[in-house]
Amino acid sequence: MATQDPAQLAAAVRAACIQAALDGYERAQIAGLCQEGAWECAVDAMRMIDLKAILQDPAAGADALQQQRD
């Protein structure tokens, strides 16, 4: 693994967490869960983030968030 800028890595992890939470919450709402259940799904989605993938390519996490904004 190449040396990475800690700020870039932190931004990638944050972006991946935000994207996972938004996706998990949206899927839960579509499935008819209450807000509390949807929030639990969002948290579970963040727990399932593949951190090894982010460590290999921090830009992927930031790209996911940018696509959500567009």
N, C-alpha and C. Protein backbone atom coordinates (compact mmCIF):
# COMPACT_ATOMS: atom_id res chain seq x y z
N MET A 1 0.85 -1.18 0.00
CA MET A 1 0.00 0.00 0.00
C MET A 1 0.89 1.24 0.00
N ALA A 2 0.58 2.17 -0.84
CA ALA A 2 1.35 3.41 -0.95
C ALA A 2 1.03 4.34 0.22
N THR A 3 1.96 5.23 0.53
CA THR A 3 1.73 6.21 1.57
C THR A 3 0.59 7.14 1.13
N GLN A 4 -0.34 7.38 2.04
CA GLN A 4 -1.50 8.18 1.70
C GLN A 4 -1.58 9.40 2.61
N ASP A 5 -2.13 10.45 2.08
CA ASP A 5 -2.38 11.65 2.86
C ASP A 5 -3.49 11.34 3.85
N PRO A 6 -3.25 11.52 5.15
CA PRO A 6 -4.28 11.21 6.14
C PRO A 6 -5.59 11.98 5.92
N ALA A 7 -5.48 13.21 5.46
CA ALA A 7 -6.69 13.99 5.21
C ALA A 7 -7.50 13.39 4.06
N GLN A 8 -6.81 12.92 3.03
CA GLN A 8 -7.50 12.29 1.90
C GLN A 8 -8.17 10.99 2.35
N LEU A 9 -7.49 10.21 3.16
CA LEU A 9 -8.06 8.97 3.66
C LEU A 9 -9.27 9.24 4.55
N ALA A 10 -9.16 10.23 5.43
CA ALA A 10 -10.29 10.58 6.29
C ALA A 10 -11.48 11.06 5.47
N ALA A 11 -11.24 11.86 4.45
CA ALA A 11 -12.32 12.33 3.59
C ALA A 11 -12.98 11.17 2.86
N ALA A 12 -12.18 10.20 2.44
CA ALA A 12 -12.73 9.04 1.74
C ALA A 12 -13.61 8.21 2.67
N VAL A 13 -13.17 8.02 3.90
CA VAL A 13 -13.97 7.26 4.87
C VAL A 13 -15.26 8.01 5.18
N ARG A 14 -15.17 9.31 5.37
CA ARG A 14 -16.37 10.11 5.64
C ARG A 14 -17.35 10.02 4.48
N ALA A 15 -16.84 10.14 3.26
CA ALA A 15 -17.70 10.07 2.08
C ALA A 15 -18.38 8.70 1.97
N ALA A 16 -17.62 7.66 2.24
CA ALA A 16 -18.19 6.31 2.18
C ALA A 16 -19.26 6.12 3.25
N CYS A 17 -19.04 6.66 4.44
CA CYS A 17 -20.03 6.56 5.52
C CYS A 17 -21.31 7.31 5.15
N ILE A 18 -21.17 8.49 4.63
CA ILE A 18 -22.34 9.29 4.25
C ILE A 18 -23.13 8.57 3.17
N GLN A 19 -22.42 8.07 2.15
CA GLN A 19 -23.10 7.39 1.05
C GLN A 19 -23.80 6.12 1.55
N ALA A 20 -23.13 5.36 2.39
CA ALA A 20 -23.73 4.13 2.92
C ALA A 20 -24.97 4.45 3.76
N ALA A 21 -24.88 5.48 4.59
CA ALA A 21 -26.02 5.85 5.43
C ALA A 21 -27.20 6.31 4.59
N LEU A 22 -26.95 7.14 3.60
CA LEU A 22 -28.04 7.60 2.74
C LEU A 22 -28.69 6.45 1.99
N ASP A 23 -27.87 5.57 1.46
CA ASP A 23 -28.40 4.42 0.72
C ASP A 23 -29.19 3.48 1.63
N GLY A 24 -28.62 3.19 2.80
CA GLY A 24 -29.29 2.29 3.74
C GLY A 24 -30.61 2.86 4.22
N TYR A 25 -30.63 4.14 4.53
CA TYR A 25 -31.85 4.79 5.01
C TYR A 25 -32.92 4.80 3.91
N GLU A 26 -32.50 5.13 2.69
CA GLU A 26 -33.45 5.18 1.59
C GLU A 26 -34.05 3.80 1.31
N ARG A 27 -33.21 2.77 1.29
CA ARG A 27 -33.73 1.42 1.05
C ARG A 27 -34.70 1.01 2.14
N ALA A 28 -34.40 1.35 3.38
CA ALA A 28 -35.28 1.00 4.49
C ALA A 28 -36.62 1.74 4.40
N GLN A 29 -36.59 3.00 4.03
CA GLN A 29 -37.83 3.76 3.87
C GLN A 29 -38.68 3.19 2.74
N ILE A 30 -38.04 2.82 1.65
CA ILE A 30 -38.77 2.22 0.53
C ILE A 30 -39.40 0.90 0.96
N ALA A 31 -38.71 0.17 1.83
CA ALA A 31 -39.23 -1.12 2.32
C ALA A 31 -40.33 -0.94 3.35
N GLY A 32 -40.58 0.30 3.76
CA GLY A 32 -41.68 0.57 4.68
C GLY A 32 -41.31 0.60 6.15
N LEU A 33 -40.04 0.62 6.46
CA LEU A 33 -39.63 0.68 7.86
C LEU A 33 -39.92 2.06 8.44
N CYS A 34 -40.12 2.10 9.74
CA CYS A 34 -40.30 3.37 10.43
C CYS A 34 -38.97 4.12 10.46
N GLN A 35 -38.98 5.35 10.93
CA GLN A 35 -37.75 6.14 10.96
C GLN A 35 -36.68 5.49 11.83
N GLU A 36 -37.08 4.93 12.96
CA GLU A 36 -36.11 4.27 13.84
C GLU A 36 -35.48 3.06 13.15
N GLY A 37 -36.31 2.27 12.48
CA GLY A 37 -35.80 1.12 11.76
C GLY A 37 -34.90 1.52 10.61
N ALA A 38 -35.28 2.60 9.92
CA ALA A 38 -34.47 3.09 8.81
C ALA A 38 -33.11 3.58 9.31
N TRP A 39 -33.12 4.24 10.47
CA TRP A 39 -31.86 4.71 11.04
C TRP A 39 -30.97 3.52 11.40
N GLU A 40 -31.54 2.47 11.95
CA GLU A 40 -30.76 1.27 12.27
C GLU A 40 -30.16 0.67 11.00
N CYS A 41 -30.90 0.67 9.92
CA CYS A 41 -30.38 0.18 8.64
C CYS A 41 -29.24 1.05 8.14
N ALA A 42 -29.36 2.35 8.33
CA ALA A 42 -28.30 3.27 7.91
C ALA A 42 -27.02 2.99 8.70
N VAL A 43 -27.15 2.78 9.99
CA VAL A 43 -25.98 2.49 10.82
C VAL A 43 -25.37 1.14 10.42
N ASP A 44 -26.21 0.15 10.18
CA ASP A 44 -25.71 -1.15 9.73
C ASP A 44 -24.97 -1.03 8.41
N ALA A 45 -25.47 -0.20 7.52
CA ALA A 45 -24.81 0.00 6.22
C ALA A 45 -23.41 0.59 6.42
N MET A 46 -23.27 1.50 7.37
CA MET A 46 -21.95 2.07 7.65
C MET A 46 -21.02 1.02 8.24
N ARG A 47 -21.57 0.13 9.06
CA ARG A 47 -20.75 -0.94 9.64
C ARG A 47 -20.23 -1.90 8.59
N MET A 48 -20.92 -2.02 7.47
CA MET A 48 -20.54 -2.98 6.44
C MET A 48 -19.62 -2.39 5.38
N ILE A 49 -19.18 -1.16 5.54
CA ILE A 49 -18.30 -0.53 4.56
C ILE A 49 -17.00 -1.34 4.46
N ASP A 50 -16.56 -1.56 3.24
CA ASP A 50 -15.32 -2.29 2.99
C ASP A 50 -14.14 -1.31 3.14
N LEU A 51 -13.58 -1.27 4.34
CA LEU A 51 -12.49 -0.33 4.61
C LEU A 51 -11.23 -0.69 3.84
N LYS A 52 -11.02 -1.96 3.55
CA LYS A 52 -9.85 -2.35 2.77
C LYS A 52 -9.90 -1.74 1.38
N ALA A 53 -11.08 -1.68 0.79
CA ALA A 53 -11.22 -1.07 -0.53
C ALA A 53 -10.89 0.41 -0.48
N ILE A 54 -11.31 1.08 0.58
CA ILE A 54 -11.01 2.52 0.72
C ILE A 54 -9.51 2.73 0.91
N LEU A 55 -8.88 1.85 1.68
CA LEU A 55 -7.44 1.97 1.88
C LEU A 55 -6.68 1.79 0.57
N GLN A 56 -7.19 0.92 -0.29
CA GLN A 56 -6.53 0.70 -1.58
C GLN A 56 -6.78 1.86 -2.54
N ASP A 57 -7.96 2.46 -2.47
CA ASP A 57 -8.31 3.55 -3.40
C ASP A 57 -9.16 4.60 -2.68
N PRO A 58 -8.53 5.51 -1.92
CA PRO A 58 -9.29 6.52 -1.19
C PRO A 58 -10.17 7.39 -2.09
N ALA A 59 -9.79 7.55 -3.33
CA ALA A 59 -10.58 8.39 -4.24
C ALA A 59 -11.96 7.78 -4.48
N ALA A 60 -12.09 6.46 -4.34
CA ALA A 60 -13.38 5.80 -4.57
C ALA A 60 -14.43 6.28 -3.57
N GLY A 61 -14.06 6.45 -2.32
CA GLY A 61 -15.00 6.93 -1.32
C GLY A 61 -15.44 8.35 -1.60
N ALA A 62 -14.51 9.21 -1.97
CA ALA A 62 -14.84 10.59 -2.29
C ALA A 62 -15.67 10.67 -3.57
N ASP A 63 -15.36 9.80 -4.53
CA ASP A 63 -16.12 9.79 -5.78
C ASP A 63 -17.57 9.42 -5.54
N ALA A 64 -17.81 8.49 -4.63
CA ALA A 64 -19.18 8.06 -4.34
C ALA A 64 -20.00 9.21 -3.79
N LEU A 65 -19.42 10.01 -2.92
CA LEU A 65 -20.15 11.15 -2.37
C LEU A 65 -20.38 12.21 -3.43
N GLN A 66 -19.39 12.45 -4.27
CA GLN A 66 -19.55 13.45 -5.32
C GLN A 66 -20.65 13.07 -6.29
N GLN A 67 -20.76 11.78 -6.62
CA GLN A 67 -21.82 11.32 -7.50
C GLN A 67 -23.18 11.54 -6.86
N GLN A 68 -23.27 11.37 -5.55
CA GLN A 68 -24.54 11.59 -4.85
C GLN A 68 -24.93 13.07 -4.92
N ARG A 69 -23.96 13.96 -4.85
CA ARG A 69 -24.25 15.40 -4.89
C ARG A 69 -24.70 15.86 -6.27
N ASP A 70 -24.19 15.20 -7.32
CA ASP A 70 -24.50 15.61 -8.71
C ASP A 70 -25.89 15.26 -9.13
